[in-house]
Amino acid sequence: MTVSTATAGKPAHAAHKSGTLSPREQGVLWDMEEHFWTSGADNARATTATNAVMVFPYPPGILQGDQIWTHLQQRTGWRSVSMAERRVTRCGDIAILTYRVSAEKPDVPIYKALCASTYLNDDDRWLRISHQQTSVN
């Protein structure tokens, strides 16, 4: 492949520059993610941006802002969660966590899903700006 001299000297687009999180930062984010599942809607709300977007298996589907908390009031507080195939990607002030979850609580079948949560580091505080779940059997 030939690279033209016009593009050879330009820096790569910011989206192509990945970074890493320290083990401590990764631990903070994974703890936040686990508490998102196990500590109830109030805890989830405290670590989520005001106008965040969440995508759940239909129904309810795509939710944003206050719609999220109406849905999560009855659907949080899992007794335990197991997160496998964990991955963290960072680009600047954004970190994306991806994982396979198995969650359980009394009188509910074990819930299994592929998940992704996107966090923004806003003034040295991580806030969830999106969360997505795809249920798997």
N, C-alpha and C. Protein backbone atom coordinates (compact mmCIF):
# COMPACT_ATOMS: atom_id res chain seq x y z
N MET A 1 0.84 -1.17 0.00
CA MET A 1 0.00 0.00 0.00
C MET A 1 0.88 1.23 0.00
N THR A 2 0.54 2.20 -0.78
CA THR A 2 1.29 3.45 -0.87
C THR A 2 0.61 4.53 -0.05
N VAL A 3 1.39 5.25 0.73
CA VAL A 3 0.86 6.35 1.54
C VAL A 3 1.32 7.64 0.89
N SER A 4 0.38 8.52 0.63
CA SER A 4 0.75 9.80 0.02
C SER A 4 1.45 10.68 1.03
N THR A 5 2.28 11.58 0.55
CA THR A 5 2.98 12.48 1.45
C THR A 5 2.03 13.47 2.10
N ALA A 6 0.86 13.69 1.49
CA ALA A 6 -0.12 14.60 2.07
C ALA A 6 -0.72 14.04 3.35
N THR A 7 -0.87 12.72 3.42
CA THR A 7 -1.46 12.12 4.62
C THR A 7 -0.41 11.52 5.55
N ALA A 8 0.77 11.29 5.08
CA ALA A 8 1.79 10.62 5.89
C ALA A 8 2.16 11.42 7.13
N GLY A 9 2.18 12.76 7.04
CA GLY A 9 2.60 13.58 8.16
C GLY A 9 1.49 13.94 9.13
N LYS A 10 0.22 13.63 8.82
CA LYS A 10 -0.89 13.99 9.69
C LYS A 10 -0.98 13.02 10.86
N PRO A 11 -1.29 13.54 12.04
CA PRO A 11 -1.46 12.63 13.18
C PRO A 11 -2.72 11.79 13.00
N ALA A 12 -2.71 10.63 13.62
CA ALA A 12 -3.87 9.74 13.54
C ALA A 12 -5.07 10.38 14.22
N HIS A 13 -6.25 10.05 13.74
CA HIS A 13 -7.49 10.53 14.33
C HIS A 13 -7.54 10.09 15.79
N ALA A 14 -8.11 10.91 16.65
CA ALA A 14 -8.15 10.62 18.09
C ALA A 14 -8.80 9.27 18.38
N ALA A 15 -9.77 8.85 17.57
CA ALA A 15 -10.45 7.58 17.82
C ALA A 15 -9.52 6.39 17.60
N HIS A 16 -8.41 6.59 16.92
CA HIS A 16 -7.47 5.50 16.68
C HIS A 16 -6.40 5.42 17.76
N LYS A 17 -6.42 6.35 18.69
CA LYS A 17 -5.44 6.36 19.77
C LYS A 17 -6.08 5.73 21.01
N SER A 18 -5.66 4.55 21.33
CA SER A 18 -6.22 3.91 22.51
C SER A 18 -5.27 4.09 23.67
N GLY A 19 -5.80 4.04 24.84
CA GLY A 19 -5.00 4.17 26.03
C GLY A 19 -5.30 3.01 26.96
N THR A 20 -4.70 3.06 28.10
CA THR A 20 -4.95 2.03 29.08
C THR A 20 -5.40 2.69 30.38
N LEU A 21 -6.05 1.93 31.18
CA LEU A 21 -6.42 2.36 32.52
C LEU A 21 -5.50 1.66 33.50
N SER A 22 -5.16 2.36 34.55
CA SER A 22 -4.35 1.73 35.59
C SER A 22 -5.17 0.61 36.22
N PRO A 23 -4.50 -0.35 36.86
CA PRO A 23 -5.26 -1.39 37.56
C PRO A 23 -6.26 -0.81 38.57
N ARG A 24 -5.88 0.28 39.24
CA ARG A 24 -6.79 0.92 40.20
C ARG A 24 -8.02 1.47 39.49
N GLU A 25 -7.82 2.18 38.36
CA GLU A 25 -8.95 2.72 37.62
C GLU A 25 -9.86 1.61 37.09
N GLN A 26 -9.25 0.53 36.60
CA GLN A 26 -10.05 -0.60 36.14
C GLN A 26 -10.87 -1.17 37.30
N GLY A 27 -10.25 -1.30 38.46
CA GLY A 27 -10.96 -1.81 39.63
C GLY A 27 -12.14 -0.93 40.01
N VAL A 28 -11.94 0.39 39.95
CA VAL A 28 -13.03 1.33 40.25
C VAL A 28 -14.20 1.12 39.29
N LEU A 29 -13.90 1.04 38.00
CA LEU A 29 -14.97 0.87 37.00
C LEU A 29 -15.68 -0.47 37.14
N TRP A 30 -14.93 -1.56 37.33
CA TRP A 30 -15.58 -2.86 37.48
C TRP A 30 -16.41 -2.92 38.76
N ASP A 31 -15.95 -2.27 39.84
CA ASP A 31 -16.76 -2.21 41.07
C ASP A 31 -18.05 -1.42 40.81
N MET A 32 -17.95 -0.31 40.09
CA MET A 32 -19.14 0.47 39.77
C MET A 32 -20.12 -0.36 38.95
N GLU A 33 -19.58 -1.12 38.01
CA GLU A 33 -20.43 -1.93 37.15
C GLU A 33 -21.12 -3.04 37.94
N GLU A 34 -20.40 -3.68 38.85
CA GLU A 34 -21.03 -4.72 39.67
C GLU A 34 -22.11 -4.12 40.56
N HIS A 35 -21.83 -2.95 41.15
CA HIS A 35 -22.83 -2.30 42.00
C HIS A 35 -24.04 -1.83 41.20
N PHE A 36 -23.85 -1.53 39.93
CA PHE A 36 -24.96 -1.19 39.04
C PHE A 36 -25.99 -2.32 39.06
N TRP A 37 -25.52 -3.55 39.10
CA TRP A 37 -26.38 -4.73 39.11
C TRP A 37 -26.93 -5.04 40.49
N THR A 38 -26.10 -4.90 41.53
CA THR A 38 -26.45 -5.47 42.83
C THR A 38 -26.94 -4.48 43.88
N SER A 39 -26.72 -3.19 43.69
CA SER A 39 -26.98 -2.23 44.78
C SER A 39 -28.23 -1.40 44.61
N GLY A 40 -29.07 -1.73 43.66
CA GLY A 40 -30.34 -1.02 43.53
C GLY A 40 -30.27 0.20 42.63
N ALA A 41 -31.46 0.72 42.32
CA ALA A 41 -31.60 1.82 41.36
C ALA A 41 -30.97 3.12 41.86
N ASP A 42 -31.03 3.38 43.17
CA ASP A 42 -30.45 4.64 43.68
C ASP A 42 -28.95 4.67 43.46
N ASN A 43 -28.29 3.55 43.71
CA ASN A 43 -26.85 3.49 43.47
C ASN A 43 -26.55 3.63 41.98
N ALA A 44 -27.32 2.95 41.14
CA ALA A 44 -27.10 3.03 39.70
C ALA A 44 -27.28 4.47 39.22
N ARG A 45 -28.29 5.15 39.75
CA ARG A 45 -28.55 6.54 39.35
C ARG A 45 -27.40 7.46 39.74
N ALA A 46 -26.81 7.22 40.91
CA ALA A 46 -25.72 8.06 41.40
C ALA A 46 -24.47 7.97 40.54
N THR A 47 -24.31 6.87 39.81
CA THR A 47 -23.11 6.68 38.99
C THR A 47 -23.40 6.79 37.49
N THR A 48 -24.59 7.31 37.16
CA THR A 48 -25.01 7.42 35.77
C THR A 48 -25.30 8.87 35.42
N ALA A 49 -24.87 9.30 34.24
CA ALA A 49 -25.12 10.66 33.77
C ALA A 49 -26.62 10.90 33.62
N THR A 50 -27.04 12.14 33.79
CA THR A 50 -28.45 12.51 33.77
C THR A 50 -29.17 12.08 32.50
N ASN A 51 -28.54 12.26 31.36
CA ASN A 51 -29.21 11.97 30.09
C ASN A 51 -28.64 10.71 29.43
N ALA A 52 -28.23 9.76 30.24
CA ALA A 52 -27.66 8.51 29.72
C ALA A 52 -28.69 7.76 28.88
N VAL A 53 -28.18 6.84 28.07
CA VAL A 53 -29.02 5.98 27.24
C VAL A 53 -28.75 4.54 27.63
N MET A 54 -29.82 3.75 27.76
CA MET A 54 -29.67 2.33 28.05
C MET A 54 -30.54 1.54 27.09
N VAL A 55 -29.99 0.41 26.64
CA VAL A 55 -30.69 -0.46 25.70
C VAL A 55 -30.84 -1.83 26.36
N PHE A 56 -32.10 -2.22 26.57
CA PHE A 56 -32.42 -3.51 27.18
C PHE A 56 -33.16 -4.36 26.17
N PRO A 57 -33.15 -5.69 26.37
CA PRO A 57 -33.96 -6.54 25.49
C PRO A 57 -35.42 -6.08 25.51
N TYR A 58 -36.08 -6.16 24.38
CA TYR A 58 -37.45 -5.68 24.26
C TYR A 58 -38.42 -6.59 25.00
N PRO A 59 -39.46 -6.07 25.66
CA PRO A 59 -39.51 -4.70 26.11
C PRO A 59 -38.59 -4.52 27.31
N PRO A 60 -38.14 -3.43 27.66
CA PRO A 60 -38.54 -2.07 27.34
C PRO A 60 -37.81 -1.46 26.15
N GLY A 61 -36.67 -2.01 25.73
CA GLY A 61 -35.97 -1.46 24.58
C GLY A 61 -35.07 -0.30 24.96
N ILE A 62 -35.14 0.78 24.20
CA ILE A 62 -34.26 1.94 24.36
C ILE A 62 -34.87 2.92 25.36
N LEU A 63 -34.10 3.24 26.39
CA LEU A 63 -34.55 4.18 27.42
C LEU A 63 -33.53 5.28 27.59
N GLN A 64 -34.01 6.47 27.96
CA GLN A 64 -33.09 7.59 28.19
C GLN A 64 -33.60 8.43 29.35
N GLY A 65 -32.65 8.99 30.10
CA GLY A 65 -33.00 9.88 31.21
C GLY A 65 -33.87 9.20 32.25
N ASP A 66 -34.95 9.88 32.66
CA ASP A 66 -35.82 9.37 33.73
C ASP A 66 -36.52 8.06 33.38
N GLN A 67 -36.69 7.75 32.10
CA GLN A 67 -37.30 6.47 31.71
C GLN A 67 -36.52 5.30 32.29
N ILE A 68 -35.21 5.46 32.37
CA ILE A 68 -34.34 4.39 32.89
C ILE A 68 -34.75 4.03 34.31
N TRP A 69 -34.97 5.03 35.15
CA TRP A 69 -35.18 4.79 36.57
C TRP A 69 -36.56 4.20 36.85
N THR A 70 -37.53 4.53 36.03
CA THR A 70 -38.84 3.90 36.14
C THR A 70 -38.69 2.39 35.89
N HIS A 71 -37.93 2.04 34.86
CA HIS A 71 -37.70 0.63 34.52
C HIS A 71 -36.87 -0.08 35.59
N LEU A 72 -35.81 0.55 36.05
CA LEU A 72 -34.87 -0.12 36.95
C LEU A 72 -35.37 -0.24 38.38
N GLN A 73 -36.37 0.55 38.78
CA GLN A 73 -36.87 0.44 40.16
C GLN A 73 -37.25 -1.00 40.50
N GLN A 74 -37.86 -1.72 39.55
CA GLN A 74 -38.27 -3.09 39.82
C GLN A 74 -37.25 -4.12 39.36
N ARG A 75 -36.21 -3.72 38.67
CA ARG A 75 -35.36 -4.71 38.02
C ARG A 75 -33.89 -4.66 38.45
N THR A 76 -33.59 -4.01 39.56
CA THR A 76 -32.22 -4.02 40.05
C THR A 76 -32.15 -4.88 41.30
N GLY A 77 -31.03 -4.85 41.95
CA GLY A 77 -30.87 -5.60 43.18
C GLY A 77 -30.68 -7.09 42.98
N TRP A 78 -29.93 -7.45 41.95
CA TRP A 78 -29.60 -8.87 41.75
C TRP A 78 -28.77 -9.33 42.94
N ARG A 79 -29.01 -10.55 43.37
CA ARG A 79 -28.31 -11.09 44.53
C ARG A 79 -26.82 -11.28 44.23
N SER A 80 -26.55 -11.79 43.05
CA SER A 80 -25.14 -11.98 42.66
C SER A 80 -25.01 -11.85 41.15
N VAL A 81 -23.84 -11.43 40.75
CA VAL A 81 -23.52 -11.36 39.32
C VAL A 81 -22.13 -11.94 39.11
N SER A 82 -21.98 -12.57 37.97
CA SER A 82 -20.69 -13.08 37.56
C SER A 82 -20.40 -12.47 36.20
N MET A 83 -19.26 -11.79 36.09
CA MET A 83 -18.89 -11.14 34.84
C MET A 83 -17.67 -11.84 34.25
N ALA A 84 -17.85 -12.41 33.06
CA ALA A 84 -16.77 -13.12 32.38
C ALA A 84 -16.42 -12.40 31.09
N GLU A 85 -15.33 -12.82 30.48
CA GLU A 85 -14.88 -12.24 29.21
C GLU A 85 -14.79 -10.72 29.31
N ARG A 86 -14.27 -10.24 30.42
CA ARG A 86 -14.16 -8.79 30.66
C ARG A 86 -13.14 -8.15 29.73
N ARG A 87 -13.53 -7.02 29.19
CA ARG A 87 -12.61 -6.22 28.37
C ARG A 87 -12.81 -4.75 28.71
N VAL A 88 -11.72 -3.99 28.65
CA VAL A 88 -11.77 -2.55 28.86
C VAL A 88 -11.08 -1.88 27.69
N THR A 89 -11.74 -0.90 27.11
CA THR A 89 -11.16 -0.10 26.04
C THR A 89 -11.22 1.36 26.48
N ARG A 90 -10.14 2.08 26.25
CA ARG A 90 -10.12 3.49 26.63
C ARG A 90 -9.69 4.34 25.45
N CYS A 91 -10.37 5.47 25.30
CA CYS A 91 -9.99 6.49 24.32
C CYS A 91 -10.20 7.83 24.98
N GLY A 92 -9.11 8.46 25.39
CA GLY A 92 -9.22 9.75 26.09
C GLY A 92 -9.98 9.59 27.39
N ASP A 93 -11.03 10.40 27.54
CA ASP A 93 -11.82 10.39 28.77
C ASP A 93 -12.98 9.40 28.73
N ILE A 94 -12.98 8.51 27.76
CA ILE A 94 -14.05 7.52 27.63
C ILE A 94 -13.48 6.12 27.83
N ALA A 95 -14.19 5.31 28.60
CA ALA A 95 -13.83 3.91 28.81
C ALA A 95 -15.06 3.06 28.52
N ILE A 96 -14.86 1.94 27.84
CA ILE A 96 -15.94 1.02 27.54
C ILE A 96 -15.63 -0.31 28.18
N LEU A 97 -16.57 -0.81 28.98
CA LEU A 97 -16.47 -2.12 29.59
C LEU A 97 -17.37 -3.07 28.82
N THR A 98 -16.85 -4.20 28.42
CA THR A 98 -17.68 -5.22 27.78
C THR A 98 -17.48 -6.53 28.53
N TYR A 99 -18.57 -7.30 28.63
CA TYR A 99 -18.51 -8.53 29.41
C TYR A 99 -19.73 -9.40 29.16
N ARG A 100 -19.63 -10.63 29.61
CA ARG A 100 -20.75 -11.58 29.61
C ARG A 100 -21.18 -11.71 31.07
N VAL A 101 -22.47 -11.50 31.33
CA VAL A 101 -22.96 -11.52 32.71
C VAL A 101 -23.91 -12.70 32.93
N SER A 102 -23.85 -13.21 34.13
CA SER A 102 -24.82 -14.18 34.63
C SER A 102 -25.27 -13.62 35.97
N ALA A 103 -26.56 -13.28 36.07
CA ALA A 103 -27.07 -12.63 37.28
C ALA A 103 -28.22 -13.44 37.85
N GLU A 104 -28.31 -13.44 39.18
CA GLU A 104 -29.39 -14.19 39.79
C GLU A 104 -29.97 -13.46 40.98
N LYS A 105 -31.27 -13.70 41.21
CA LYS A 105 -31.96 -13.24 42.40
C LYS A 105 -33.11 -14.19 42.68
N PRO A 106 -33.64 -14.15 43.89
CA PRO A 106 -34.69 -15.11 44.26
C PRO A 106 -35.90 -15.05 43.32
N ASP A 107 -36.45 -16.22 43.03
CA ASP A 107 -37.69 -16.36 42.26
C ASP A 107 -37.62 -15.82 40.83
N VAL A 108 -36.41 -15.68 40.29
CA VAL A 108 -36.23 -15.21 38.92
C VAL A 108 -35.23 -16.15 38.25
N PRO A 109 -35.50 -16.57 37.02
CA PRO A 109 -34.51 -17.40 36.33
C PRO A 109 -33.17 -16.66 36.19
N ILE A 110 -32.08 -17.40 36.16
CA ILE A 110 -30.77 -16.78 35.97
C ILE A 110 -30.79 -16.02 34.64
N TYR A 111 -30.33 -14.78 34.71
CA TYR A 111 -30.32 -13.91 33.53
C TYR A 111 -28.91 -13.89 32.96
N LYS A 112 -28.79 -14.17 31.68
CA LYS A 112 -27.49 -14.16 31.01
C LYS A 112 -27.55 -13.17 29.85
N ALA A 113 -26.48 -12.37 29.72
CA ALA A 113 -26.47 -11.35 28.67
C ALA A 113 -25.04 -10.96 28.31
N LEU A 114 -24.91 -10.41 27.12
CA LEU A 114 -23.69 -9.72 26.71
C LEU A 114 -23.94 -8.25 26.99
N CYS A 115 -22.97 -7.57 27.62
CA CYS A 115 -23.19 -6.20 28.05
C CYS A 115 -22.04 -5.28 27.64
N ALA A 116 -22.38 -4.01 27.50
CA ALA A 116 -21.39 -2.97 27.27
C ALA A 116 -21.84 -1.73 28.02
N SER A 117 -20.94 -1.15 28.78
CA SER A 117 -21.20 0.11 29.45
C SER A 117 -20.11 1.09 29.06
N THR A 118 -20.52 2.31 28.77
CA THR A 118 -19.59 3.37 28.40
C THR A 118 -19.56 4.40 29.52
N TYR A 119 -18.35 4.74 29.95
CA TYR A 119 -18.16 5.69 31.03
C TYR A 119 -17.38 6.91 30.52
N LEU A 120 -17.71 8.07 31.06
CA LEU A 120 -17.01 9.31 30.77
C LEU A 120 -16.33 9.78 32.04
N ASN A 121 -15.05 10.10 31.95
CA ASN A 121 -14.34 10.66 33.09
C ASN A 121 -14.58 12.16 33.07
N ASP A 122 -15.47 12.62 33.94
CA ASP A 122 -15.89 14.02 34.00
C ASP A 122 -15.35 14.64 35.28
N ASP A 123 -14.33 15.48 35.16
CA ASP A 123 -13.69 16.10 36.32
C ASP A 123 -13.25 15.05 37.35
N ASP A 124 -12.54 14.02 36.87
CA ASP A 124 -11.99 12.95 37.71
C ASP A 124 -13.07 12.10 38.39
N ARG A 125 -14.26 12.08 37.82
CA ARG A 125 -15.34 11.21 38.32
C ARG A 125 -15.91 10.45 37.14
N TRP A 126 -15.91 9.13 37.22
CA TRP A 126 -16.45 8.31 36.14
C TRP A 126 -17.97 8.27 36.25
N LEU A 127 -18.65 8.53 35.13
CA LEU A 127 -20.10 8.44 35.05
C LEU A 127 -20.48 7.58 33.86
N ARG A 128 -21.45 6.70 34.06
CA ARG A 128 -21.95 5.85 32.98
C ARG A 128 -22.78 6.72 32.05
N ILE A 129 -22.46 6.69 30.76
CA ILE A 129 -23.25 7.46 29.79
C ILE A 129 -24.10 6.55 28.90
N SER A 130 -23.77 5.26 28.89
CA SER A 130 -24.62 4.31 28.17
C SER A 130 -24.40 2.91 28.73
N HIS A 131 -25.43 2.09 28.55
CA HIS A 131 -25.37 0.69 28.96
C HIS A 131 -26.25 -0.08 28.00
N GLN A 132 -25.79 -1.25 27.58
CA GLN A 132 -26.53 -2.06 26.63
C GLN A 132 -26.46 -3.51 27.05
N GLN A 133 -27.59 -4.22 26.92
CA GLN A 133 -27.65 -5.65 27.23
C GLN A 133 -28.27 -6.41 26.07
N THR A 134 -27.65 -7.51 25.71
CA THR A 134 -28.22 -8.45 24.73
C THR A 134 -28.35 -9.78 25.44
N SER A 135 -29.58 -10.23 25.68
CA SER A 135 -29.76 -11.48 26.40
C SER A 135 -29.30 -12.67 25.55
N VAL A 136 -28.75 -13.65 26.24
CA VAL A 136 -28.28 -14.87 25.58
C VAL A 136 -28.85 -16.06 26.34
N ASN A 137 -29.01 -17.18 25.65
CA ASN A 137 -29.53 -18.38 26.29
C ASN A 137 -28.41 -19.26 26.78
